[in-house]
Amino acid sequence: MRLDKFLKISRLIKRRTLAKEVADQGRITINGNQAKASSTVAVGDELMIKFGQKLVTIEVTALRENVKKDEAETLYKVLKEEKKDE
């Protein structure tokens, strides 16, 4: 599944266009490698996403085309959440 689509379906980022912009700015890595919006995400991958001052590391636990809003969190597991001080 494409990275931008996964971020939208899992509701980590609300809109796919925003997910694409974040990826194109180089703020997302998959297993330590710089990711593009078109990068492929697989179960077991570790994503690191920079949201402003926050750095969130998640593990992909499932891939599904459609999920209900309350089931979106079942697609990933938060491994680490840290605030950056700059």
N, C-alpha and C. Protein backbone atom coordinates (compact mmCIF):
# COMPACT_ATOMS: atom_id res chain seq x y z
N MET A 1 0.84 -1.17 0.00
CA MET A 1 0.00 0.00 0.00
C MET A 1 0.90 1.24 0.00
N ARG A 2 0.49 2.27 -0.70
CA ARG A 2 1.25 3.52 -0.75
C ARG A 2 1.26 4.20 0.62
N LEU A 3 2.35 4.86 0.93
CA LEU A 3 2.51 5.53 2.21
C LEU A 3 1.43 6.58 2.45
N ASP A 4 1.16 7.44 1.46
CA ASP A 4 0.16 8.50 1.67
C ASP A 4 -1.23 7.93 1.92
N LYS A 5 -1.55 6.83 1.25
CA LYS A 5 -2.86 6.19 1.46
C LYS A 5 -2.94 5.56 2.85
N PHE A 6 -1.86 4.92 3.29
CA PHE A 6 -1.85 4.32 4.64
C PHE A 6 -2.05 5.39 5.71
N LEU A 7 -1.34 6.51 5.58
CA LEU A 7 -1.46 7.58 6.58
C LEU A 7 -2.87 8.13 6.64
N LYS A 8 -3.54 8.20 5.50
CA LYS A 8 -4.92 8.70 5.48
C LYS A 8 -5.88 7.67 6.09
N ILE A 9 -5.78 6.41 5.68
CA ILE A 9 -6.68 5.37 6.17
C ILE A 9 -6.50 5.15 7.68
N SER A 10 -5.24 5.20 8.15
CA SER A 10 -4.99 5.00 9.58
C SER A 10 -5.31 6.26 10.39
N ARG A 11 -5.61 7.33 9.69
CA ARG A 11 -5.96 8.61 10.30
C ARG A 11 -4.82 9.23 11.11
N LEU A 12 -3.60 8.86 10.78
CA LEU A 12 -2.44 9.54 11.38
C LEU A 12 -2.35 10.96 10.80
N ILE A 13 -2.68 11.07 9.51
CA ILE A 13 -2.80 12.37 8.84
C ILE A 13 -4.16 12.36 8.15
N LYS A 14 -4.92 13.43 8.33
CA LYS A 14 -6.33 13.44 7.91
C LYS A 14 -6.55 13.38 6.40
N ARG A 15 -5.70 14.08 5.63
CA ARG A 15 -5.92 14.12 4.18
C ARG A 15 -4.72 13.55 3.43
N ARG A 16 -5.00 12.90 2.31
CA ARG A 16 -3.94 12.27 1.53
C ARG A 16 -3.00 13.32 0.92
N THR A 17 -3.54 14.47 0.53
CA THR A 17 -2.68 15.51 -0.04
C THR A 17 -1.71 16.05 1.01
N LEU A 18 -2.18 16.16 2.25
CA LEU A 18 -1.31 16.60 3.34
C LEU A 18 -0.24 15.54 3.62
N ALA A 19 -0.63 14.28 3.59
CA ALA A 19 0.31 13.17 3.78
C ALA A 19 1.41 13.22 2.71
N LYS A 20 1.01 13.53 1.48
CA LYS A 20 1.97 13.63 0.38
C LYS A 20 2.94 14.77 0.61
N GLU A 21 2.43 15.92 1.06
CA GLU A 21 3.30 17.07 1.33
C GLU A 21 4.31 16.76 2.43
N VAL A 22 3.85 16.14 3.51
CA VAL A 22 4.73 15.79 4.64
C VAL A 22 5.83 14.85 4.16
N ALA A 23 5.47 13.86 3.36
CA ALA A 23 6.46 12.90 2.84
C ALA A 23 7.45 13.60 1.90
N ASP A 24 6.95 14.47 1.05
CA ASP A 24 7.82 15.18 0.10
C ASP A 24 8.78 16.14 0.79
N GLN A 25 8.42 16.58 2.00
CA GLN A 25 9.30 17.47 2.77
C GLN A 25 10.39 16.68 3.50
N GLY A 26 10.36 15.35 3.38
CA GLY A 26 11.38 14.52 4.01
C GLY A 26 11.18 14.33 5.50
N ARG A 27 9.94 14.40 5.97
CA ARG A 27 9.67 14.27 7.40
C ARG A 27 9.20 12.87 7.80
N ILE A 28 9.28 11.91 6.86
CA ILE A 28 8.87 10.53 7.16
C ILE A 28 9.96 9.56 6.71
N THR A 29 10.27 8.58 7.58
CA THR A 29 11.19 7.52 7.20
C THR A 29 10.51 6.18 7.40
N ILE A 30 10.84 5.22 6.53
CA ILE A 30 10.35 3.84 6.66
C ILE A 30 11.58 2.98 6.91
N ASN A 31 11.62 2.33 8.07
CA ASN A 31 12.76 1.49 8.47
C ASN A 31 14.09 2.24 8.32
N GLY A 32 14.08 3.53 8.66
CA GLY A 32 15.31 4.32 8.62
C GLY A 32 15.64 4.94 7.28
N ASN A 33 14.89 4.62 6.24
CA ASN A 33 15.14 5.17 4.91
C ASN A 33 14.14 6.29 4.61
N GLN A 34 14.63 7.35 3.96
CA GLN A 34 13.77 8.47 3.58
C GLN A 34 12.62 7.94 2.72
N ALA A 35 11.40 8.39 3.01
CA ALA A 35 10.23 7.89 2.29
C ALA A 35 9.59 8.96 1.42
N LYS A 36 9.04 8.52 0.30
CA LYS A 36 8.24 9.39 -0.56
C LYS A 36 6.78 8.98 -0.39
N ALA A 37 5.86 9.80 -0.89
CA ALA A 37 4.44 9.50 -0.79
C ALA A 37 4.11 8.19 -1.49
N SER A 38 4.87 7.85 -2.53
CA SER A 38 4.59 6.64 -3.30
C SER A 38 5.30 5.41 -2.75
N SER A 39 6.07 5.58 -1.68
CA SER A 39 6.77 4.44 -1.07
C SER A 39 5.76 3.39 -0.61
N THR A 40 6.17 2.12 -0.70
CA THR A 40 5.30 1.02 -0.30
C THR A 40 5.46 0.72 1.18
N VAL A 41 4.32 0.57 1.85
CA VAL A 41 4.30 0.24 3.28
C VAL A 41 3.85 -1.21 3.42
N ALA A 42 4.54 -1.98 4.27
CA ALA A 42 4.18 -3.38 4.51
C ALA A 42 4.01 -3.60 6.01
N VAL A 43 3.32 -4.67 6.37
CA VAL A 43 3.14 -5.02 7.78
C VAL A 43 4.51 -5.26 8.40
N GLY A 44 4.73 -4.69 9.57
CA GLY A 44 6.01 -4.83 10.25
C GLY A 44 6.96 -3.67 10.02
N ASP A 45 6.65 -2.80 9.07
CA ASP A 45 7.49 -1.63 8.81
C ASP A 45 7.42 -0.65 9.98
N GLU A 46 8.53 0.04 10.20
CA GLU A 46 8.59 1.05 11.26
C GLU A 46 8.64 2.43 10.61
N LEU A 47 7.64 3.25 10.90
CA LEU A 47 7.57 4.60 10.35
C LEU A 47 7.94 5.61 11.42
N MET A 48 8.74 6.59 11.04
CA MET A 48 9.06 7.68 11.93
C MET A 48 8.56 8.97 11.27
N ILE A 49 7.64 9.66 11.94
CA ILE A 49 7.00 10.84 11.37
C ILE A 49 7.27 12.05 12.25
N LYS A 50 7.69 13.15 11.62
CA LYS A 50 7.92 14.39 12.36
C LYS A 50 6.71 15.29 12.19
N PHE A 51 6.01 15.55 13.30
CA PHE A 51 4.88 16.48 13.33
C PHE A 51 5.34 17.72 14.09
N GLY A 52 5.83 18.73 13.41
CA GLY A 52 6.29 19.94 14.10
C GLY A 52 7.36 19.62 15.13
N GLN A 53 7.04 19.80 16.42
CA GLN A 53 8.00 19.54 17.50
C GLN A 53 7.93 18.11 18.01
N LYS A 54 7.06 17.28 17.42
CA LYS A 54 6.85 15.93 17.91
C LYS A 54 7.40 14.90 16.93
N LEU A 55 8.03 13.86 17.47
CA LEU A 55 8.56 12.76 16.66
C LEU A 55 7.84 11.49 17.08
N VAL A 56 7.08 10.89 16.16
CA VAL A 56 6.29 9.71 16.48
C VAL A 56 6.83 8.52 15.69
N THR A 57 7.10 7.41 16.40
CA THR A 57 7.55 6.18 15.76
C THR A 57 6.44 5.15 15.91
N ILE A 58 5.99 4.59 14.79
CA ILE A 58 4.93 3.59 14.82
C ILE A 58 5.35 2.34 14.07
N GLU A 59 4.69 1.24 14.38
CA GLU A 59 4.89 -0.01 13.65
C GLU A 59 3.58 -0.35 12.96
N VAL A 60 3.66 -0.68 11.67
CA VAL A 60 2.47 -1.05 10.90
C VAL A 60 2.07 -2.47 11.31
N THR A 61 0.84 -2.63 11.81
CA THR A 61 0.39 -3.95 12.27
C THR A 61 -0.60 -4.60 11.30
N ALA A 62 -1.25 -3.79 10.45
CA ALA A 62 -2.21 -4.34 9.49
C ALA A 62 -2.38 -3.37 8.33
N LEU A 63 -2.78 -3.91 7.18
CA LEU A 63 -3.09 -3.09 6.01
C LEU A 63 -4.48 -3.45 5.53
N ARG A 64 -5.35 -2.45 5.45
CA ARG A 64 -6.70 -2.69 4.96
C ARG A 64 -7.10 -1.51 4.08
N GLU A 65 -7.92 -1.77 3.08
CA GLU A 65 -8.36 -0.72 2.16
C GLU A 65 -9.33 0.26 2.81
N ASN A 66 -10.23 -0.27 3.64
CA ASN A 66 -11.24 0.57 4.29
C ASN A 66 -11.35 0.19 5.75
N VAL A 67 -11.38 1.20 6.61
CA VAL A 67 -11.61 0.94 8.04
C VAL A 67 -12.54 2.01 8.59
N LYS A 68 -13.29 1.64 9.60
CA LYS A 68 -14.13 2.62 10.27
C LYS A 68 -13.24 3.49 11.15
N LYS A 69 -13.73 4.66 11.46
CA LYS A 69 -12.94 5.62 12.23
C LYS A 69 -12.44 5.03 13.55
N ASP A 70 -13.30 4.31 14.26
CA ASP A 70 -12.90 3.78 15.56
C ASP A 70 -11.99 2.55 15.46
N GLU A 71 -11.83 2.00 14.25
CA GLU A 71 -10.94 0.85 14.06
C GLU A 71 -9.59 1.26 13.46
N ALA A 72 -9.43 2.54 13.15
CA ALA A 72 -8.21 3.01 12.46
C ALA A 72 -6.95 2.74 13.28
N GLU A 73 -7.05 2.83 14.60
CA GLU A 73 -5.86 2.63 15.44
C GLU A 73 -5.38 1.18 15.48
N THR A 74 -6.20 0.25 14.96
CA THR A 74 -5.77 -1.15 14.93
C THR A 74 -4.74 -1.40 13.82
N LEU A 75 -4.53 -0.44 12.93
CA LEU A 75 -3.59 -0.59 11.81
C LEU A 75 -2.15 -0.35 12.23
N TYR A 76 -1.94 0.27 13.38
CA TYR A 76 -0.57 0.58 13.81
C TYR A 76 -0.45 0.54 15.32
N LYS A 77 0.81 0.48 15.77
CA LYS A 77 1.11 0.49 17.20
C LYS A 77 2.16 1.57 17.43
N VAL A 78 1.88 2.48 18.36
CA VAL A 78 2.84 3.56 18.65
C VAL A 78 3.97 2.97 19.49
N LEU A 79 5.20 3.08 18.97
CA LEU A 79 6.37 2.56 19.68
C LEU A 79 7.00 3.63 20.55
N LYS A 80 7.04 4.85 20.01
CA LYS A 80 7.71 5.94 20.72
C LYS A 80 7.07 7.27 20.33
N GLU A 81 6.97 8.16 21.29
CA GLU A 81 6.45 9.50 21.02
C GLU A 81 7.30 10.46 21.84
N GLU A 82 8.06 11.32 21.15
CA GLU A 82 8.93 12.23 21.88
C GLU A 82 8.81 13.64 21.38
N LYS A 83 9.00 14.58 22.28
CA LYS A 83 8.97 16.00 21.92
C LYS A 83 10.38 16.47 21.70
N LYS A 84 10.57 17.22 20.62
CA LYS A 84 11.89 17.80 20.34
C LYS A 84 11.93 19.21 20.87
N ASP A 85 12.99 19.56 21.55
CA ASP A 85 13.17 20.93 22.02
C ASP A 85 14.16 21.63 21.12
N GLU A 86 13.70 22.70 20.50
CA GLU A 86 14.59 23.44 19.61
C GLU A 86 14.63 24.89 19.99
